[in-house]
Amino acid sequence: MHGERDYPYECCGLLLGSFTEPGVKMIAEVYPISNAREEQAKRTRFLIRPEELMRGERSAQAKGLDVIGFYHSHPDHPAMPSQYDLEHAWPLYSYIVVSVKAGAAQDLRSWEMEADRSRFIEEEIRTLTQPTDHGPRRGSHVGEVDTG
């Protein structure tokens, strides 16, 4: 997992998928990005450079997907967004926060900012089996984030 690999620094990346219906987002894959913060700041902050975001958006478009959110880790802290996260978030997108303690992922929660930008509300994460022409494929899952 990206968060374990980058520990004790924050990892970050994009959530690629689709907005399937009001309040529901389907995550098809993650797009890992290298944390561009300076060395000491990487322990408590992440930075996605504009050119990396554009590269991720192009990758999503090439696959018929959208950027539907972002993920990052909180080393040795809970999987809850910080005030800094709130101040730098955009409405509509999902924000998955992974708690990594002593190098091991412990918890994963998803959040969406209220339209008035006042706070985050937690989203439900469901793992779905991805269907194929021959029925469900064993071990293949996509995630769905539901705000409803």
N, C-alpha and C. Protein backbone atom coordinates (compact mmCIF):
# COMPACT_ATOMS: atom_id res chain seq x y z
N MET A 1 0.84 -1.18 0.00
CA MET A 1 0.00 0.00 0.00
C MET A 1 0.89 1.25 0.00
N HIS A 2 0.43 2.25 -0.72
CA HIS A 2 1.18 3.49 -0.89
C HIS A 2 1.51 4.16 0.45
N GLY A 3 0.54 4.24 1.35
CA GLY A 3 0.77 4.88 2.65
C GLY A 3 1.83 4.18 3.49
N GLU A 4 1.85 2.87 3.44
CA GLU A 4 2.86 2.11 4.17
C GLU A 4 4.23 2.29 3.54
N ARG A 5 4.27 2.33 2.23
CA ARG A 5 5.55 2.49 1.51
C ARG A 5 6.18 3.86 1.78
N ASP A 6 5.35 4.91 1.87
CA ASP A 6 5.86 6.27 2.06
C ASP A 6 6.04 6.67 3.52
N TYR A 7 5.55 5.85 4.44
CA TYR A 7 5.68 6.16 5.87
C TYR A 7 7.15 6.41 6.22
N PRO A 8 7.49 7.42 7.03
CA PRO A 8 6.64 8.24 7.89
C PRO A 8 6.11 9.51 7.23
N TYR A 9 6.19 9.58 5.91
CA TYR A 9 5.69 10.76 5.20
C TYR A 9 4.27 10.51 4.73
N GLU A 10 3.55 11.59 4.45
CA GLU A 10 2.22 11.47 3.87
C GLU A 10 2.34 11.05 2.41
N CYS A 11 1.52 10.12 2.01
CA CYS A 11 1.42 9.77 0.60
C CYS A 11 0.22 10.52 0.03
N CYS A 12 0.10 10.53 -1.28
CA CYS A 12 -1.04 11.19 -1.90
C CYS A 12 -1.28 10.64 -3.29
N GLY A 13 -2.47 10.86 -3.79
CA GLY A 13 -2.81 10.41 -5.12
C GLY A 13 -4.24 10.77 -5.48
N LEU A 14 -4.63 10.35 -6.66
CA LEU A 14 -5.95 10.65 -7.20
C LEU A 14 -6.84 9.41 -7.15
N LEU A 15 -8.12 9.64 -7.03
CA LEU A 15 -9.13 8.59 -7.13
C LEU A 15 -9.76 8.73 -8.51
N LEU A 16 -9.64 7.71 -9.34
CA LEU A 16 -10.18 7.75 -10.69
C LEU A 16 -11.43 6.88 -10.75
N GLY A 17 -12.45 7.38 -11.41
CA GLY A 17 -13.69 6.64 -11.51
C GLY A 17 -14.75 7.44 -12.20
N SER A 18 -15.97 7.34 -11.66
CA SER A 18 -17.08 8.06 -12.28
C SER A 18 -18.10 8.49 -11.22
N PHE A 19 -18.82 9.53 -11.57
CA PHE A 19 -19.94 10.00 -10.76
C PHE A 19 -21.16 9.26 -11.31
N THR A 20 -21.60 8.20 -10.63
CA THR A 20 -22.60 7.31 -11.20
C THR A 20 -24.03 7.80 -11.04
N GLU A 21 -24.32 8.48 -9.96
CA GLU A 21 -25.64 9.04 -9.69
C GLU A 21 -25.46 10.07 -8.59
N PRO A 22 -26.45 10.92 -8.34
CA PRO A 22 -26.26 11.92 -7.29
C PRO A 22 -25.86 11.29 -5.96
N GLY A 23 -24.75 11.75 -5.42
CA GLY A 23 -24.29 11.27 -4.13
C GLY A 23 -23.49 9.97 -4.16
N VAL A 24 -23.28 9.39 -5.34
CA VAL A 24 -22.54 8.13 -5.43
C VAL A 24 -21.40 8.28 -6.44
N LYS A 25 -20.23 7.86 -6.01
CA LYS A 25 -19.05 7.87 -6.88
C LYS A 25 -18.50 6.46 -6.93
N MET A 26 -18.10 6.01 -8.10
CA MET A 26 -17.53 4.68 -8.28
C MET A 26 -16.03 4.84 -8.53
N ILE A 27 -15.21 4.30 -7.63
CA ILE A 27 -13.76 4.36 -7.77
C ILE A 27 -13.31 3.13 -8.54
N ALA A 28 -12.68 3.36 -9.69
CA ALA A 28 -12.18 2.26 -10.51
C ALA A 28 -10.72 1.96 -10.20
N GLU A 29 -9.94 3.00 -9.90
CA GLU A 29 -8.53 2.80 -9.59
C GLU A 29 -7.96 4.03 -8.89
N VAL A 30 -6.80 3.84 -8.30
CA VAL A 30 -6.08 4.97 -7.70
C VAL A 30 -4.89 5.30 -8.59
N TYR A 31 -4.48 6.54 -8.53
CA TYR A 31 -3.35 7.03 -9.32
C TYR A 31 -2.35 7.64 -8.34
N PRO A 32 -1.35 6.87 -7.92
CA PRO A 32 -0.38 7.37 -6.93
C PRO A 32 0.44 8.54 -7.48
N ILE A 33 0.70 9.50 -6.61
CA ILE A 33 1.51 10.67 -6.97
C ILE A 33 2.55 10.85 -5.87
N SER A 34 3.74 11.26 -6.24
CA SER A 34 4.79 11.51 -5.27
C SER A 34 4.51 12.82 -4.53
N ASN A 35 4.62 12.80 -3.22
CA ASN A 35 4.42 13.99 -2.40
C ASN A 35 5.53 15.00 -2.70
N ALA A 36 5.14 16.17 -3.20
CA ALA A 36 6.11 17.17 -3.64
C ALA A 36 6.54 18.14 -2.53
N ARG A 37 6.06 17.95 -1.33
CA ARG A 37 6.47 18.82 -0.22
C ARG A 37 7.95 18.64 0.09
N GLU A 38 8.55 19.67 0.70
CA GLU A 38 9.94 19.56 1.14
C GLU A 38 10.04 18.52 2.25
N GLU A 39 11.21 17.99 2.46
CA GLU A 39 11.45 16.83 3.32
C GLU A 39 10.73 16.87 4.67
N GLN A 40 10.94 17.89 5.48
CA GLN A 40 10.34 17.93 6.82
C GLN A 40 8.82 18.10 6.78
N ALA A 41 8.31 18.85 5.80
CA ALA A 41 6.87 19.08 5.72
C ALA A 41 6.10 17.83 5.28
N LYS A 42 6.77 16.87 4.65
CA LYS A 42 6.11 15.66 4.16
C LYS A 42 5.49 14.83 5.28
N ARG A 43 5.94 15.04 6.52
CA ARG A 43 5.40 14.26 7.64
C ARG A 43 3.97 14.68 7.99
N THR A 44 3.60 15.91 7.67
CA THR A 44 2.28 16.40 8.06
C THR A 44 1.48 17.04 6.93
N ARG A 45 2.05 17.14 5.74
CA ARG A 45 1.37 17.78 4.61
C ARG A 45 1.73 17.05 3.33
N PHE A 46 0.85 17.18 2.33
CA PHE A 46 1.20 16.68 1.01
C PHE A 46 0.95 17.78 -0.01
N LEU A 47 1.60 17.65 -1.13
CA LEU A 47 1.45 18.61 -2.22
C LEU A 47 1.44 17.85 -3.53
N ILE A 48 0.41 18.10 -4.33
CA ILE A 48 0.33 17.56 -5.68
C ILE A 48 0.61 18.72 -6.63
N ARG A 49 1.67 18.62 -7.38
CA ARG A 49 2.03 19.68 -8.33
C ARG A 49 1.01 19.71 -9.47
N PRO A 50 0.73 20.92 -10.01
CA PRO A 50 -0.26 21.04 -11.09
C PRO A 50 0.02 20.11 -12.27
N GLU A 51 1.29 19.97 -12.65
CA GLU A 51 1.61 19.10 -13.80
C GLU A 51 1.31 17.63 -13.49
N GLU A 52 1.44 17.22 -12.21
CA GLU A 52 1.10 15.85 -11.82
C GLU A 52 -0.42 15.65 -11.86
N LEU A 53 -1.16 16.66 -11.42
CA LEU A 53 -2.62 16.60 -11.48
C LEU A 53 -3.07 16.49 -12.93
N MET A 54 -2.48 17.28 -13.80
CA MET A 54 -2.84 17.24 -15.22
C MET A 54 -2.50 15.88 -15.83
N ARG A 55 -1.36 15.31 -15.46
CA ARG A 55 -0.97 13.99 -15.95
C ARG A 55 -2.00 12.94 -15.50
N GLY A 56 -2.43 13.04 -14.25
CA GLY A 56 -3.45 12.12 -13.75
C GLY A 56 -4.79 12.30 -14.44
N GLU A 57 -5.16 13.54 -14.71
CA GLU A 57 -6.41 13.81 -15.42
C GLU A 57 -6.36 13.23 -16.83
N ARG A 58 -5.22 13.37 -17.52
CA ARG A 58 -5.07 12.80 -18.86
C ARG A 58 -5.15 11.27 -18.81
N SER A 59 -4.53 10.66 -17.79
CA SER A 59 -4.59 9.21 -17.64
C SER A 59 -6.03 8.76 -17.44
N ALA A 60 -6.77 9.47 -16.62
CA ALA A 60 -8.18 9.14 -16.38
C ALA A 60 -8.98 9.26 -17.67
N GLN A 61 -8.82 10.36 -18.38
CA GLN A 61 -9.57 10.58 -19.62
C GLN A 61 -9.28 9.50 -20.65
N ALA A 62 -8.03 9.07 -20.74
CA ALA A 62 -7.65 8.02 -21.70
C ALA A 62 -8.38 6.71 -21.41
N LYS A 63 -8.81 6.52 -20.17
CA LYS A 63 -9.51 5.30 -19.76
C LYS A 63 -11.01 5.51 -19.65
N GLY A 64 -11.48 6.70 -20.04
CA GLY A 64 -12.91 7.00 -19.93
C GLY A 64 -13.35 7.25 -18.51
N LEU A 65 -12.42 7.68 -17.65
CA LEU A 65 -12.71 7.93 -16.24
C LEU A 65 -12.56 9.42 -15.93
N ASP A 66 -12.98 9.79 -14.74
CA ASP A 66 -12.81 11.14 -14.22
C ASP A 66 -12.00 11.10 -12.94
N VAL A 67 -11.42 12.21 -12.57
CA VAL A 67 -10.86 12.36 -11.23
C VAL A 67 -12.06 12.65 -10.33
N ILE A 68 -12.32 11.74 -9.40
CA ILE A 68 -13.48 11.92 -8.52
C ILE A 68 -13.07 12.24 -7.09
N GLY A 69 -11.76 12.30 -6.86
CA GLY A 69 -11.30 12.64 -5.52
C GLY A 69 -9.81 12.44 -5.36
N PHE A 70 -9.40 12.52 -4.11
CA PHE A 70 -7.99 12.47 -3.75
C PHE A 70 -7.85 11.56 -2.53
N TYR A 71 -6.67 11.01 -2.36
CA TYR A 71 -6.39 10.26 -1.14
C TYR A 71 -5.05 10.72 -0.59
N HIS A 72 -4.91 10.59 0.71
CA HIS A 72 -3.61 10.82 1.35
C HIS A 72 -3.59 10.10 2.69
N SER A 73 -2.39 9.96 3.22
CA SER A 73 -2.25 9.26 4.50
C SER A 73 -2.00 10.26 5.62
N HIS A 74 -2.31 9.83 6.82
CA HIS A 74 -1.99 10.56 8.05
C HIS A 74 -1.08 9.66 8.88
N PRO A 75 0.23 9.85 8.77
CA PRO A 75 1.14 9.02 9.57
C PRO A 75 0.96 9.25 11.07
N ASP A 76 0.70 8.18 11.79
CA ASP A 76 0.54 8.20 13.25
C ASP A 76 -0.56 9.15 13.73
N HIS A 77 -1.59 9.32 12.90
CA HIS A 77 -2.76 10.13 13.25
C HIS A 77 -4.02 9.46 12.71
N PRO A 78 -5.18 9.82 13.23
CA PRO A 78 -6.44 9.20 12.79
C PRO A 78 -6.76 9.49 11.32
N ALA A 79 -7.64 8.67 10.76
CA ALA A 79 -8.09 8.81 9.37
C ALA A 79 -9.20 9.85 9.28
N MET A 80 -8.92 11.02 9.82
CA MET A 80 -9.88 12.13 9.82
C MET A 80 -9.19 13.35 9.21
N PRO A 81 -9.91 14.09 8.38
CA PRO A 81 -9.29 15.27 7.77
C PRO A 81 -8.97 16.33 8.82
N SER A 82 -7.89 17.02 8.58
CA SER A 82 -7.47 18.11 9.47
C SER A 82 -8.11 19.41 9.02
N GLN A 83 -7.96 20.44 9.83
CA GLN A 83 -8.43 21.76 9.45
C GLN A 83 -7.71 22.23 8.17
N TYR A 84 -6.44 21.90 8.06
CA TYR A 84 -5.67 22.23 6.84
C TYR A 84 -6.29 21.53 5.63
N ASP A 85 -6.68 20.25 5.80
CA ASP A 85 -7.33 19.53 4.71
C ASP A 85 -8.61 20.24 4.28
N LEU A 86 -9.39 20.68 5.25
CA LEU A 86 -10.64 21.38 4.96
C LEU A 86 -10.39 22.68 4.20
N GLU A 87 -9.37 23.41 4.61
CA GLU A 87 -9.07 24.70 3.98
C GLU A 87 -8.57 24.55 2.54
N HIS A 88 -8.10 23.36 2.18
CA HIS A 88 -7.54 23.16 0.85
C HIS A 88 -8.36 22.20 -0.03
N ALA A 89 -9.53 21.81 0.43
CA ALA A 89 -10.37 20.87 -0.31
C ALA A 89 -11.32 21.60 -1.24
N TRP A 90 -11.90 20.83 -2.17
CA TRP A 90 -12.91 21.34 -3.09
C TRP A 90 -14.19 20.55 -2.89
N PRO A 91 -15.34 21.21 -2.93
CA PRO A 91 -16.60 20.48 -2.83
C PRO A 91 -16.76 19.47 -3.98
N LEU A 92 -17.60 18.49 -3.76
CA LEU A 92 -17.97 17.45 -4.71
C LEU A 92 -17.01 16.26 -4.70
N TYR A 93 -15.71 16.49 -4.53
CA TYR A 93 -14.74 15.41 -4.56
C TYR A 93 -14.75 14.59 -3.27
N SER A 94 -14.35 13.34 -3.38
CA SER A 94 -14.14 12.49 -2.21
C SER A 94 -12.70 12.63 -1.75
N TYR A 95 -12.50 12.58 -0.45
CA TYR A 95 -11.17 12.66 0.15
C TYR A 95 -10.99 11.45 1.07
N ILE A 96 -10.23 10.48 0.61
CA ILE A 96 -9.96 9.31 1.44
C ILE A 96 -8.71 9.59 2.26
N VAL A 97 -8.81 9.37 3.55
CA VAL A 97 -7.69 9.55 4.47
C VAL A 97 -7.38 8.18 5.08
N VAL A 98 -6.12 7.79 5.01
CA VAL A 98 -5.66 6.51 5.54
C VAL A 98 -4.78 6.78 6.76
N SER A 99 -5.12 6.17 7.88
CA SER A 99 -4.28 6.26 9.07
C SER A 99 -3.20 5.18 8.98
N VAL A 100 -1.94 5.60 9.07
CA VAL A 100 -0.82 4.66 9.05
C VAL A 100 -0.06 4.83 10.36
N LYS A 101 -0.06 3.78 11.17
CA LYS A 101 0.61 3.83 12.47
C LYS A 101 1.78 2.87 12.49
N ALA A 102 2.95 3.40 12.84
CA ALA A 102 4.18 2.60 12.90
C ALA A 102 4.40 1.83 11.61
N GLY A 103 4.04 2.44 10.49
CA GLY A 103 4.29 1.84 9.18
C GLY A 103 3.23 0.90 8.66
N ALA A 104 2.12 0.70 9.41
CA ALA A 104 1.06 -0.21 8.98
C ALA A 104 -0.27 0.54 8.87
N ALA A 105 -0.96 0.37 7.76
CA ALA A 105 -2.26 1.01 7.57
C ALA A 105 -3.24 0.46 8.60
N GLN A 106 -3.95 1.34 9.27
CA GLN A 106 -4.87 0.95 10.34
C GLN A 106 -6.34 1.20 10.00
N ASP A 107 -6.61 2.29 9.31
CA ASP A 107 -7.99 2.71 9.09
C ASP A 107 -8.04 3.51 7.80
N LEU A 108 -9.18 3.47 7.15
CA LEU A 108 -9.39 4.19 5.90
C LEU A 108 -10.81 4.73 5.93
N ARG A 109 -10.95 6.04 5.75
CA ARG A 109 -12.27 6.67 5.77
C ARG A 109 -12.35 7.69 4.64
N SER A 110 -13.56 7.89 4.14
CA SER A 110 -13.76 8.83 3.04
C SER A 110 -14.64 9.99 3.48
N TRP A 111 -14.34 11.17 2.94
CA TRP A 111 -15.00 12.40 3.35
C TRP A 111 -15.34 13.24 2.12
N GLU A 112 -16.42 13.99 2.24
CA GLU A 112 -16.77 14.98 1.22
C GLU A 112 -17.06 16.30 1.92
N MET A 113 -16.58 17.38 1.33
CA MET A 113 -16.80 18.71 1.91
C MET A 113 -18.25 19.14 1.69
N GLU A 114 -18.84 19.73 2.71
CA GLU A 114 -20.17 20.33 2.59
C GLU A 114 -20.12 21.42 1.52
N ALA A 115 -21.23 21.65 0.84
CA ALA A 115 -21.28 22.65 -0.24
C ALA A 115 -20.89 24.04 0.25
N ASP A 116 -21.18 24.35 1.53
CA ASP A 116 -20.83 25.68 2.06
C ASP A 116 -19.39 25.75 2.57
N ARG A 117 -18.63 24.65 2.37
CA ARG A 117 -17.21 24.55 2.72
C ARG A 117 -16.94 24.62 4.22
N SER A 118 -17.96 24.41 5.05
CA SER A 118 -17.82 24.57 6.49
C SER A 118 -17.22 23.35 7.19
N ARG A 119 -17.41 22.17 6.63
CA ARG A 119 -16.93 20.95 7.28
C ARG A 119 -16.97 19.80 6.29
N PHE A 120 -16.37 18.68 6.71
CA PHE A 120 -16.46 17.44 5.95
C PHE A 120 -17.57 16.59 6.53
N ILE A 121 -18.22 15.81 5.67
CA ILE A 121 -19.15 14.78 6.12
C ILE A 121 -18.57 13.44 5.68
N GLU A 122 -18.71 12.44 6.52
CA GLU A 122 -18.15 11.13 6.18
C GLU A 122 -19.01 10.44 5.14
N GLU A 123 -18.35 9.77 4.21
CA GLU A 123 -19.02 9.00 3.18
C GLU A 123 -18.90 7.52 3.48
N GLU A 124 -19.88 6.78 3.08
CA GLU A 124 -19.83 5.32 3.21
C GLU A 124 -18.99 4.76 2.07
N ILE A 125 -18.12 3.81 2.38
CA ILE A 125 -17.32 3.12 1.36
C ILE A 125 -17.82 1.69 1.28
N ARG A 126 -18.17 1.27 0.07
CA ARG A 126 -18.59 -0.12 -0.16
C ARG A 126 -17.68 -0.73 -1.21
N THR A 127 -17.28 -1.96 -0.99
CA THR A 127 -16.50 -2.70 -1.97
C THR A 127 -17.46 -3.56 -2.79
N LEU A 128 -17.38 -3.43 -4.09
CA LEU A 128 -18.26 -4.16 -4.98
C LEU A 128 -17.45 -5.13 -5.83
N THR A 129 -18.05 -6.26 -6.16
CA THR A 129 -17.40 -7.18 -7.08
C THR A 129 -17.64 -6.65 -8.49
N GLN A 130 -16.58 -6.58 -9.26
CA GLN A 130 -16.69 -6.06 -10.62
C GLN A 130 -17.20 -7.15 -11.54
N PRO A 131 -18.34 -6.91 -12.23
CA PRO A 131 -18.88 -7.94 -13.11
C PRO A 131 -18.08 -8.05 -14.42
N THR A 132 -18.13 -9.20 -15.02
CA THR A 132 -17.55 -9.41 -16.35
C THR A 132 -18.65 -10.03 -17.21
N ASP A 133 -18.35 -10.34 -18.45
CA ASP A 133 -19.32 -10.99 -19.32
C ASP A 133 -19.71 -12.37 -18.80
N HIS A 134 -18.86 -12.95 -17.97
CA HIS A 134 -19.08 -14.29 -17.45
C HIS A 134 -19.40 -14.28 -15.97
N GLY A 135 -19.93 -13.18 -15.45
CA GLY A 135 -20.26 -13.08 -14.04
C GLY A 135 -19.15 -12.41 -13.26
N PRO A 136 -19.26 -12.40 -11.94
CA PRO A 136 -18.25 -11.72 -11.11
C PRO A 136 -16.88 -12.35 -11.27
N ARG A 137 -15.88 -11.53 -11.25
CA ARG A 137 -14.50 -12.00 -11.34
C ARG A 137 -13.95 -12.05 -9.93
N ARG A 138 -13.51 -13.19 -9.50
CA ARG A 138 -13.02 -13.40 -8.15
C ARG A 138 -11.80 -12.51 -7.88
N GLY A 139 -11.81 -11.80 -6.76
CA GLY A 139 -10.67 -10.98 -6.38
C GLY A 139 -10.62 -9.62 -7.06
N SER A 140 -11.58 -9.31 -7.89
CA SER A 140 -11.59 -8.03 -8.59
C SER A 140 -12.67 -7.16 -7.98
N HIS A 141 -12.28 -6.05 -7.41
CA HIS A 141 -13.24 -5.18 -6.74
C HIS A 141 -13.07 -3.74 -7.18
N VAL A 142 -14.16 -3.04 -7.14
CA VAL A 142 -14.13 -1.60 -7.30
C VAL A 142 -14.79 -1.02 -6.07
N GLY A 143 -14.51 0.23 -5.79
CA GLY A 143 -15.10 0.84 -4.61
C GLY A 143 -16.18 1.82 -4.99
N GLU A 144 -17.15 1.94 -4.12
CA GLU A 144 -18.21 2.89 -4.32
C GLU A 144 -18.28 3.76 -3.07
N VAL A 145 -18.38 5.05 -3.27
CA VAL A 145 -18.47 5.99 -2.17
C VAL A 145 -19.86 6.61 -2.23
N ASP A 146 -20.59 6.53 -1.14
CA ASP A 146 -21.98 6.98 -1.12
C ASP A 146 -22.15 8.03 -0.03
N THR A 147 -22.62 9.20 -0.42
CA THR A 147 -22.86 10.26 0.56
C THR A 147 -24.29 10.23 1.06
N GLY A 148 -25.12 9.40 0.49
CA GLY A 148 -26.54 9.37 0.85
C GLY A 148 -26.81 8.54 1.97
